[in-house]
Amino acid sequence: MFNTTVAEASNRLGVSVARIHQLIKSGVLAAEQVAGIWLIDDGSIEARLKNPRKAGRPAANSHKGAVSRFLLMNRNHEVLAFKFDASTGEFFDTDEIIDAKRAPLSVMSPRGKKASSTALSYWWAHRAIPKARHGIEAKLAELGLADTYDLPFKSMGLSLSDQYWVKPYESDIDWHDVNYFENDFAEAPVEEWMADVGLDSPDNTSDGVLSKRWVCRDGVRTLLKGGTLLEQEPYNEVIATELFSRLLNEGDYVPYRLEEWGNSLVSACPNFVGPTEELIPAYYVNDVLPRVSHRDDYRHYVECCAALGVEDIEAALAKMIVCDDIMANTDRHWRNFGLIRDVETLEYRPAPLFDTGSSLWCRVPTRELAYAPFAVDMRPFYEDADRQLRLTSDTSWLDFDKLAGFPEWASDLLDGNPSMYGRTDFIYEGLQKRIDFLQLLFG
């Protein structure tokens, strides 16, 4: 969970505050910025404690045979050349720029003349499985790998979230022969989360802490995702889908369903990124324009989207803010929403709503639910829910008649999860109170 401050991490790891910021920037420590304060994931701190790096630079001969030159590709467009040191995970010599406009948003300088090796390393770190994901340490040991940054190279960095991949310099490999949108990928017969990691699979580039796995269902690339202790998160995704279907247009959200897999129920959703598209998290969209001291996070993001030519961004954000408020979603961080870009036309649109699993008080222990307030700290623009709601200027789409019976529908679905015993009445009451408040505010 993202609840450790920089100062606390500094004490736990025995390094300076400046070093903690370096580890965040390089992606070694998973962190999110909330109200201007960096909060670090406990799991990544524990992983760092178990596998500390040796101080100092590697010996001169330690790079021998480990450094390779690659091209970062976007479909069949060559973007930039770089060298990668497999012994350290270091990117360098990134100055051969070929197609700056198709590079990851945060990697290029504003004028598109230079690429930042540090930014490329950070971007790559989020292309790999986080060290905090359950089972990854055992999988790395099984594969004989030192770190998760090696995993994407097992499958040329190919993903189902975008069109980026890496190929050896001067290689003649073609995108259409290797990408996962058009070609089959490894799918082990066992129903285990880590079964395909290390194979020719998009699982090598799946971000996020929750257990997940890509599968094919009747030719549709489908993402399966598990839950935590109470396994409430998959149910929450389906409840959010029901909410969205009542209020929003079909293309505004990603539909989730429950599926039995691995002796438990998981959420399943189709890939919402098309064969010429990429998902760009809002975290990187924020780098499009320089920060201005008097501009709040909401206005800065809207202006960055406007600079990219995105239409109707405030309408899309209003839907996200209001629906997240109803769901009491506390995890709409800057990587959980963003834009979709067509890498051929370079046109942008708001991404559909996805990843609403960490909602409906799923992290509040059952014994504390009776005493927990229905208000929650929200994200990404303001922790104060009322203040964030007031960012919405157009709620003409918000039809309260369509929400009639929604709390009952949600609690009935949750009753199907034995772990929810003693929780569903509270969730029903919480949902109804949040809807009632919105009706007072916007009705």
Protein backbone atom coordinates (compact mmCIF):
# COMPACT_ATOMS: atom_id res chain seq x y z
CA MET A 1 0.00 0.00 0.00
CA PHE A 2 1.14 3.55 -0.72
CA ASN A 3 1.34 4.88 2.85
CA THR A 4 5.04 5.40 3.69
CA THR A 5 6.48 8.92 3.55
CA VAL A 6 9.90 9.74 2.12
CA ALA A 7 11.28 10.44 5.59
CA GLU A 8 10.02 7.09 6.91
CA ALA A 9 11.48 5.26 3.91
CA SER A 10 14.79 7.03 4.48
CA ASN A 11 14.92 5.73 8.05
CA ARG A 12 13.89 2.19 7.09
CA LEU A 13 16.42 1.87 4.28
CA GLY A 14 19.20 3.78 6.02
CA VAL A 15 19.78 6.17 3.12
CA SER A 16 19.34 9.89 2.62
CA VAL A 17 16.09 11.56 1.65
CA ALA A 18 17.75 12.61 -1.62
CA ARG A 19 18.56 8.95 -2.34
CA ILE A 20 14.91 7.99 -1.74
CA HIS A 21 13.84 10.55 -4.34
CA GLN A 22 16.41 9.05 -6.76
CA LEU A 23 14.99 5.56 -6.18
CA ILE A 24 11.46 6.86 -6.82
CA LYS A 25 12.54 8.61 -10.01
CA SER A 26 14.30 5.50 -11.32
CA GLY A 27 11.28 3.33 -10.53
CA VAL A 28 13.06 1.14 -7.94
CA LEU A 29 10.57 2.31 -5.30
CA ALA A 30 6.92 2.37 -6.35
CA ALA A 31 5.38 5.66 -5.24
CA GLU A 32 2.48 7.99 -5.91
CA GLN A 33 2.18 11.72 -5.27
CA VAL A 34 -0.83 12.70 -3.18
CA ALA A 35 -1.50 16.39 -2.52
CA GLY A 36 2.14 17.15 -3.34
CA ILE A 37 3.53 14.48 -0.97
CA TRP A 38 5.24 11.29 -2.17
CA LEU A 39 3.84 8.12 -0.59
CA ILE A 40 5.82 4.92 -1.15
CA ASP A 41 4.56 1.36 -1.48
CA ASP A 42 5.51 -0.80 1.53
CA GLY A 43 6.10 -3.83 -0.68
CA SER A 44 8.77 -2.10 -2.74
CA ILE A 45 10.56 -1.01 0.44
CA GLU A 46 10.55 -4.60 1.72
CA ALA A 47 11.87 -5.81 -1.64
CA ARG A 48 14.67 -3.24 -1.46
CA LEU A 49 15.55 -4.35 2.09
CA LYS A 50 15.77 -7.99 0.97
CA ASN A 51 17.85 -7.23 -2.14
CA PRO A 52 19.99 -4.14 -1.47
CA ARG A 53 22.30 -2.94 -4.23
CA LYS A 54 26.00 -2.72 -3.52
CA ALA A 55 27.28 0.81 -3.17
CA GLY A 56 29.46 2.39 -5.83
CA ARG A 57 29.67 1.91 -9.59
CA PRO A 58 30.17 -1.57 -11.04
CA ALA A 59 33.69 -2.63 -11.83
CA ALA A 60 34.94 -1.77 -15.29
CA ASN A 61 34.84 -5.37 -16.49
CA SER A 62 31.42 -6.10 -14.98
CA HIS A 63 29.69 -4.76 -18.11
CA LYS A 64 31.51 -7.10 -20.43
CA GLY A 65 29.01 -9.01 -22.54
CA ALA A 66 26.05 -7.46 -20.70
CA VAL A 67 25.61 -4.23 -22.68
CA SER A 68 23.47 -4.43 -25.81
CA ARG A 69 22.23 -1.85 -28.29
CA PHE A 70 18.53 -1.75 -29.13
CA LEU A 71 15.94 0.25 -31.01
CA LEU A 72 12.83 1.38 -29.18
CA MET A 73 10.02 0.75 -31.68
CA ASN A 74 6.42 1.96 -31.91
CA ARG A 75 4.81 -0.61 -34.21
CA ASN A 76 7.20 -0.47 -37.21
CA HIS A 77 8.28 3.12 -36.48
CA GLU A 78 11.83 3.42 -35.17
CA VAL A 79 11.73 5.83 -32.21
CA LEU A 80 15.21 5.97 -30.71
CA ALA A 81 18.34 3.88 -30.18
CA PHE A 82 19.69 3.07 -26.73
CA LYS A 83 22.07 0.82 -24.87
CA PHE A 84 20.99 -1.32 -21.96
CA ASP A 85 23.25 -2.79 -19.29
CA ALA A 86 21.65 -6.06 -18.19
CA SER A 87 23.85 -6.21 -15.08
CA THR A 88 22.55 -2.93 -13.65
CA GLY A 89 19.32 -2.16 -15.50
CA GLU A 90 20.86 1.09 -16.74
CA PHE A 91 19.82 2.83 -19.97
CA PHE A 92 22.36 5.07 -21.68
CA ASP A 93 23.45 6.46 -25.08
CA THR A 94 19.86 7.46 -25.87
CA ASP A 95 20.84 10.37 -28.12
CA GLU A 96 20.03 8.78 -31.50
CA ILE A 97 16.49 10.16 -31.94
CA ILE A 98 14.61 8.91 -35.01
CA ASP A 99 10.91 9.69 -34.40
CA ALA A 100 10.43 11.90 -31.35
CA LYS A 101 6.69 12.37 -31.86
CA ARG A 102 6.05 8.66 -31.33
CA ALA A 103 8.22 8.35 -28.22
CA PRO A 104 6.70 7.91 -24.75
CA LEU A 105 5.47 11.35 -23.68
CA SER A 106 7.77 11.75 -20.68
CA VAL A 107 10.99 10.56 -22.32
CA MET A 108 11.64 13.38 -24.80
CA SER A 109 12.67 16.96 -24.12
CA PRO A 110 9.98 19.59 -24.90
CA ARG A 111 11.59 20.29 -28.30
CA GLY A 112 12.02 16.61 -29.11
CA LYS A 113 15.78 16.91 -29.51
CA LYS A 114 17.00 14.75 -26.62
CA ALA A 115 15.85 11.68 -24.71
CA SER A 116 16.34 11.36 -20.97
CA SER A 117 17.94 8.09 -19.89
CA THR A 118 16.50 8.63 -16.41
CA ALA A 119 12.99 9.12 -17.77
CA LEU A 120 13.41 6.07 -20.01
CA SER A 121 14.47 4.00 -16.99
CA TYR A 122 11.43 5.18 -15.01
CA TRP A 123 9.10 4.41 -17.90
CA TRP A 124 10.66 0.96 -18.29
CA ALA A 125 10.35 0.23 -14.57
CA HIS A 126 6.56 0.61 -14.92
CA ARG A 127 6.68 -1.70 -17.92
CA ALA A 128 7.81 -4.50 -15.64
CA ILE A 129 5.99 -6.41 -12.92
CA PRO A 130 6.31 -4.52 -9.60
CA LYS A 131 8.45 -6.18 -6.98
CA ALA A 132 5.53 -5.88 -4.56
CA ARG A 133 3.37 -8.34 -6.55
CA HIS A 134 2.84 -11.62 -4.75
CA GLY A 135 5.02 -14.43 -6.06
CA ILE A 136 7.40 -12.39 -8.21
CA GLU A 137 10.51 -13.03 -6.07
CA ALA A 138 10.07 -16.80 -6.36
CA LYS A 139 9.50 -16.45 -10.10
CA LEU A 140 12.66 -14.40 -10.58
CA ALA A 141 14.63 -17.05 -8.68
CA GLU A 142 13.12 -19.77 -10.85
CA LEU A 143 14.11 -17.88 -14.02
CA GLY A 144 17.56 -17.00 -12.71
CA LEU A 145 16.94 -13.27 -13.11
CA ALA A 146 18.23 -10.59 -10.79
CA ASP A 147 15.47 -8.05 -11.22
CA THR A 148 12.06 -7.45 -12.77
CA TYR A 149 13.52 -5.02 -15.34
CA ASP A 150 14.93 -8.06 -17.15
CA LEU A 151 11.50 -9.61 -17.68
CA PRO A 152 10.28 -7.44 -20.59
CA PHE A 153 13.35 -8.44 -22.61
CA LYS A 154 12.05 -12.02 -22.46
CA SER A 155 9.39 -10.92 -24.95
CA MET A 156 11.00 -7.87 -26.62
CA GLY A 157 9.09 -5.56 -24.29
CA LEU A 158 5.84 -6.37 -26.09
CA SER A 159 2.64 -5.36 -24.34
CA LEU A 160 -1.12 -5.26 -24.84
CA SER A 161 -1.34 -1.75 -23.39
CA ASP A 162 0.59 -0.02 -26.17
CA GLN A 163 2.59 -0.60 -29.36
CA TYR A 164 6.11 -0.19 -27.95
CA TRP A 165 8.72 -2.93 -28.19
CA VAL A 166 12.48 -3.29 -28.42
CA LYS A 167 14.53 -5.06 -31.04
CA PRO A 168 18.28 -5.53 -31.47
CA TYR A 169 19.91 -2.71 -33.39
CA GLU A 170 19.89 -3.29 -37.18
CA SER A 171 17.58 -6.31 -36.82
CA ASP A 172 14.95 -6.86 -39.53
CA ILE A 173 12.20 -8.22 -37.22
CA ASP A 174 8.77 -6.95 -38.27
CA TRP A 175 6.08 -5.78 -35.84
CA HIS A 176 3.34 -7.74 -37.57
CA ASP A 177 5.22 -11.00 -37.00
CA VAL A 178 5.66 -10.60 -33.24
CA ASN A 179 3.01 -8.33 -31.65
CA TYR A 180 0.40 -9.78 -29.29
CA PHE A 181 -2.55 -7.97 -30.86
CA GLU A 182 -2.29 -10.13 -34.00
CA ASN A 183 -0.27 -13.16 -32.86
CA ASP A 184 -0.85 -15.85 -30.26
CA PHE A 185 1.15 -15.78 -27.06
CA ALA A 186 2.17 -18.36 -24.47
CA GLU A 187 -0.64 -19.54 -22.23
CA ALA A 188 0.23 -22.29 -19.74
CA PRO A 189 -2.57 -24.79 -19.03
CA VAL A 190 -2.28 -24.35 -15.24
CA GLU A 191 -4.42 -21.68 -13.59
CA GLU A 192 -1.62 -19.90 -11.75
CA TRP A 193 -0.94 -16.18 -11.87
CA MET A 194 2.78 -16.41 -12.61
CA ALA A 195 2.62 -19.39 -14.98
CA ASP A 196 3.31 -17.37 -18.16
CA VAL A 197 5.86 -14.96 -16.71
CA GLY A 198 9.23 -15.51 -18.37
CA LEU A 199 7.65 -16.99 -21.50
CA ASP A 200 6.64 -15.31 -24.76
CA SER A 201 3.77 -13.50 -23.04
CA PRO A 202 2.37 -10.02 -22.33
CA ASP A 203 2.44 -10.98 -18.64
CA ASN A 204 6.09 -9.86 -18.62
CA THR A 205 4.94 -6.25 -19.02
CA SER A 206 1.86 -6.14 -16.76
CA ASP A 207 1.99 -3.24 -14.29
CA GLY A 208 0.18 -3.08 -10.94
CA VAL A 209 0.38 -4.89 -7.61
CA LEU A 210 -2.71 -7.12 -7.84
CA SER A 211 -2.26 -10.58 -9.38
CA LYS A 212 -3.17 -10.60 -13.07
CA ARG A 213 -2.78 -12.65 -16.21
CA TRP A 214 -3.55 -12.22 -19.92
CA VAL A 215 -5.55 -14.96 -21.64
CA CYS A 216 -7.44 -15.40 -24.92
CA ARG A 217 -11.20 -15.94 -24.76
CA ASP A 218 -12.62 -16.75 -28.23
CA GLY A 219 -9.89 -14.68 -29.82
CA VAL A 220 -10.42 -11.71 -27.46
CA ARG A 221 -7.38 -10.63 -25.43
CA THR A 222 -8.75 -10.70 -21.88
CA LEU A 223 -7.18 -9.54 -18.61
CA LEU A 224 -7.92 -11.60 -15.50
CA LYS A 225 -7.34 -9.94 -12.15
CA GLY A 226 -7.55 -11.27 -8.62
CA GLY A 227 -8.18 -9.67 -5.24
CA THR A 228 -6.63 -9.38 -1.83
CA LEU A 229 -7.62 -11.03 1.45
CA LEU A 230 -11.43 -10.75 1.12
CA GLU A 231 -11.40 -11.07 -2.69
CA GLN A 232 -13.77 -8.10 -2.85
CA GLU A 233 -11.96 -6.29 -5.67
CA PRO A 234 -13.28 -8.48 -8.54
CA TYR A 235 -16.86 -7.95 -7.29
CA ASN A 236 -16.24 -4.20 -7.08
CA GLU A 237 -15.20 -4.14 -10.75
CA VAL A 238 -18.53 -5.72 -11.72
CA ILE A 239 -20.46 -3.33 -9.47
CA ALA A 240 -18.67 -0.39 -11.10
CA THR A 241 -19.59 -1.81 -14.52
CA GLU A 242 -23.25 -1.88 -13.48
CA LEU A 243 -23.01 1.72 -12.28
CA PHE A 244 -21.34 2.88 -15.49
CA SER A 245 -23.86 1.04 -17.66
CA ARG A 246 -26.68 2.93 -15.94
CA LEU A 247 -25.16 6.39 -16.34
CA LEU A 248 -22.56 6.46 -19.12
CA ASN A 249 -22.20 5.71 -22.81
CA GLU A 250 -20.80 2.32 -23.84
CA GLY A 251 -17.39 3.68 -24.87
CA ASP A 252 -16.92 5.59 -21.60
CA TYR A 253 -15.94 2.53 -19.55
CA VAL A 254 -14.37 -0.93 -19.66
CA PRO A 255 -16.89 -3.73 -18.87
CA TYR A 256 -15.86 -6.32 -16.27
CA ARG A 257 -17.45 -9.66 -15.47
CA LEU A 258 -16.84 -12.34 -12.84
CA GLU A 259 -15.16 -15.53 -13.98
CA GLU A 260 -14.28 -18.69 -12.08
CA TRP A 261 -10.55 -19.31 -12.38
CA GLY A 262 -7.95 -20.96 -10.17
CA ASN A 263 -10.54 -22.11 -7.59
CA SER A 264 -11.76 -18.55 -7.03
CA LEU A 265 -13.71 -15.79 -8.74
CA VAL A 266 -11.70 -13.16 -10.61
CA SER A 267 -12.61 -10.16 -12.71
CA ALA A 268 -12.23 -10.40 -16.48
CA CYS A 269 -12.25 -7.56 -19.00
CA PRO A 270 -11.44 -7.29 -22.71
CA ASN A 271 -8.40 -5.35 -23.82
CA PHE A 272 -9.60 -1.79 -24.42
CA VAL A 273 -6.52 -0.74 -26.41
CA GLY A 274 -6.90 -1.19 -30.17
CA PRO A 275 -4.24 -2.63 -32.52
CA THR A 276 -2.92 0.85 -33.42
CA GLU A 277 -3.43 2.45 -30.00
CA GLU A 278 -1.61 3.00 -26.72
CA LEU A 279 -2.74 3.84 -23.20
CA ILE A 280 -0.92 6.88 -21.82
CA PRO A 281 -1.35 7.19 -18.04
CA ALA A 282 -2.18 10.68 -16.76
CA TYR A 283 1.13 10.65 -14.91
CA TYR A 284 2.93 11.14 -18.24
CA VAL A 285 0.34 13.52 -19.68
CA ASN A 286 1.25 15.90 -16.86
CA ASP A 287 4.74 16.25 -18.37
CA VAL A 288 3.45 17.84 -21.57
CA LEU A 289 3.52 21.37 -20.08
CA PRO A 290 5.76 22.84 -17.37
CA ARG A 291 4.21 23.29 -13.95
CA VAL A 292 2.95 26.74 -13.01
CA SER A 293 2.93 27.50 -9.29
CA HIS A 294 -0.63 28.91 -9.08
CA ARG A 295 -2.23 26.19 -11.26
CA ASP A 296 -3.87 23.30 -9.37
CA ASP A 297 -3.50 19.65 -10.44
CA TYR A 298 -6.88 19.57 -12.17
CA ARG A 299 -6.33 22.67 -14.27
CA HIS A 300 -2.78 21.60 -15.14
CA TYR A 301 -3.98 18.22 -16.41
CA VAL A 302 -6.81 19.80 -18.42
CA GLU A 303 -4.38 22.25 -20.04
CA CYS A 304 -1.93 19.44 -20.86
CA CYS A 305 -4.76 17.57 -22.56
CA ALA A 306 -5.75 20.71 -24.46
CA ALA A 307 -2.15 21.07 -25.68
CA LEU A 308 -2.45 17.57 -27.14
CA GLY A 309 -5.73 18.41 -28.88
CA VAL A 310 -7.91 16.23 -26.64
CA GLU A 311 -11.59 17.08 -26.90
CA ASP A 312 -14.21 16.84 -24.13
CA ILE A 313 -11.64 16.11 -21.42
CA GLU A 314 -13.57 17.95 -18.69
CA ALA A 315 -16.73 15.99 -19.49
CA ALA A 316 -14.76 12.73 -19.19
CA LEU A 317 -13.19 13.86 -15.90
CA ALA A 318 -16.61 14.83 -14.51
CA LYS A 319 -17.89 11.31 -15.15
CA MET A 320 -14.80 9.82 -13.51
CA ILE A 321 -15.02 12.06 -10.43
CA VAL A 322 -18.74 11.52 -9.82
CA CYS A 323 -18.71 7.75 -10.42
CA ASP A 324 -15.60 7.34 -8.24
CA ASP A 325 -17.40 9.27 -5.51
CA ILE A 326 -20.39 6.93 -5.63
CA MET A 327 -18.06 3.91 -5.53
CA ALA A 328 -15.91 5.44 -2.75
CA ASN A 329 -12.91 4.68 -4.96
CA THR A 330 -9.74 5.63 -3.10
CA ASP A 331 -7.30 4.39 -5.76
CA ARG A 332 -7.81 6.64 -8.81
CA HIS A 333 -4.12 7.51 -8.85
CA TRP A 334 -2.31 9.08 -11.80
CA ARG A 335 -1.65 5.75 -13.51
CA ASN A 336 -5.28 4.63 -13.24
CA PHE A 337 -6.68 7.03 -15.83
CA GLY A 338 -5.34 8.86 -18.85
CA LEU A 339 -5.54 9.06 -22.63
CA ILE A 340 -5.63 6.75 -25.63
CA ARG A 341 -3.42 7.73 -28.57
CA ASP A 342 -3.55 6.30 -32.07
CA VAL A 343 0.14 5.90 -32.90
CA GLU A 344 -0.47 6.16 -36.64
CA THR A 345 -2.63 9.30 -36.70
CA LEU A 346 -1.27 10.70 -33.40
CA GLU A 347 -4.81 11.64 -32.35
CA TYR A 348 -5.84 11.49 -28.68
CA ARG A 349 -9.02 10.71 -26.78
CA PRO A 350 -9.85 10.16 -23.09
CA ALA A 351 -9.31 6.57 -21.97
CA PRO A 352 -12.41 4.69 -20.81
CA LEU A 353 -12.83 4.24 -17.08
CA PHE A 354 -11.04 1.14 -15.78
CA ASP A 355 -9.63 -0.33 -12.57
CA THR A 356 -12.21 0.51 -9.90
CA GLY A 357 -11.50 -2.54 -7.74
CA SER A 358 -10.10 -0.73 -4.70
CA SER A 359 -13.42 0.82 -3.70
CA LEU A 360 -16.44 0.25 -1.45
CA TRP A 361 -14.31 0.24 1.69
CA CYS A 362 -12.61 -3.03 0.66
CA ARG A 363 -9.53 -2.26 2.76
CA VAL A 364 -11.45 -1.47 5.95
CA PRO A 365 -11.45 -4.49 8.32
CA THR A 366 -14.93 -5.89 8.93
CA ARG A 367 -14.73 -5.23 12.68
CA GLU A 368 -14.13 -1.53 11.96
CA LEU A 369 -16.87 -0.99 9.37
CA ALA A 370 -19.52 -0.08 11.95
CA TYR A 371 -17.29 2.73 13.21
CA ALA A 372 -15.81 3.90 9.92
CA PRO A 373 -17.16 7.15 8.44
CA PHE A 374 -18.82 6.95 5.04
CA ALA A 375 -16.56 9.76 3.84
CA VAL A 376 -13.24 8.68 2.30
CA ASP A 377 -10.09 10.39 1.07
CA MET A 378 -10.39 10.67 -2.70
CA ARG A 379 -7.92 10.93 -5.59
CA PRO A 380 -6.38 12.22 -7.81
CA PHE A 381 -7.08 15.97 -7.57
CA TYR A 382 -8.18 16.49 -3.95
CA GLU A 383 -8.41 14.20 -0.94
CA ASP A 384 -11.50 16.11 0.17
CA ALA A 385 -14.40 14.48 -1.71
CA ASP A 386 -16.63 17.57 -1.63
CA ARG A 387 -13.88 19.77 -3.04
CA GLN A 388 -13.15 17.29 -5.82
CA LEU A 389 -16.84 17.01 -6.71
CA ARG A 390 -17.00 20.78 -7.19
CA LEU A 391 -14.57 20.46 -10.09
CA THR A 392 -17.40 19.03 -12.17
CA SER A 393 -19.15 21.70 -14.24
CA ASP A 394 -21.52 19.57 -16.34
CA THR A 395 -23.64 16.83 -14.79
CA SER A 396 -26.38 16.79 -17.45
CA TRP A 397 -25.57 13.10 -17.98
CA LEU A 398 -26.24 12.26 -14.30
CA ASP A 399 -29.75 10.74 -14.21
CA PHE A 400 -30.61 9.85 -10.61
CA ASP A 401 -33.67 7.87 -11.72
CA LYS A 402 -31.28 5.34 -13.28
CA LEU A 403 -29.64 4.80 -9.88
CA ALA A 404 -32.84 3.52 -8.29
CA GLY A 405 -32.15 0.07 -6.85
CA PHE A 406 -28.40 0.26 -7.50
CA PRO A 407 -27.34 -0.13 -3.83
CA GLU A 408 -29.59 -3.22 -3.54
CA TRP A 409 -28.12 -4.67 -6.74
CA ALA A 410 -24.57 -4.17 -5.43
CA SER A 411 -25.24 -5.69 -2.01
CA ASP A 412 -27.01 -8.68 -3.58
CA LEU A 413 -23.96 -9.34 -5.76
CA LEU A 414 -21.59 -9.03 -2.80
CA ASP A 415 -23.68 -11.53 -0.83
CA GLY A 416 -22.35 -14.14 -3.28
CA ASN A 417 -18.90 -13.74 -1.73
CA PRO A 418 -18.72 -15.69 1.58
CA SER A 419 -15.95 -13.36 2.79
CA MET A 420 -18.42 -10.45 2.73
CA TYR A 421 -20.42 -11.73 5.69
CA GLY A 422 -21.14 -8.77 7.97
CA ARG A 423 -20.10 -6.20 5.35
CA THR A 424 -22.86 -5.91 2.77
CA ASP A 425 -25.36 -3.99 4.95
CA PHE A 426 -22.73 -1.35 5.58
CA ILE A 427 -21.85 -1.10 1.89
CA TYR A 428 -25.53 -0.80 0.97
CA GLU A 429 -25.94 2.05 3.46
CA GLY A 430 -22.74 3.75 2.28
CA LEU A 431 -23.76 3.64 -1.37
CA GLN A 432 -27.20 5.04 -0.60
CA LYS A 433 -25.77 7.88 1.47
CA ARG A 434 -23.33 8.85 -1.28
CA ILE A 435 -26.10 8.89 -3.89
CA ASP A 436 -28.36 10.94 -1.59
CA PHE A 437 -25.60 13.49 -1.06
CA LEU A 438 -24.96 13.81 -4.80
CA GLN A 439 -28.67 14.37 -5.34
CA LEU A 440 -28.61 17.22 -2.83
CA LEU A 441 -25.54 18.68 -4.54
CA PHE A 442 -26.49 18.26 -8.20
CA GLY A 443 -30.16 17.24 -8.29
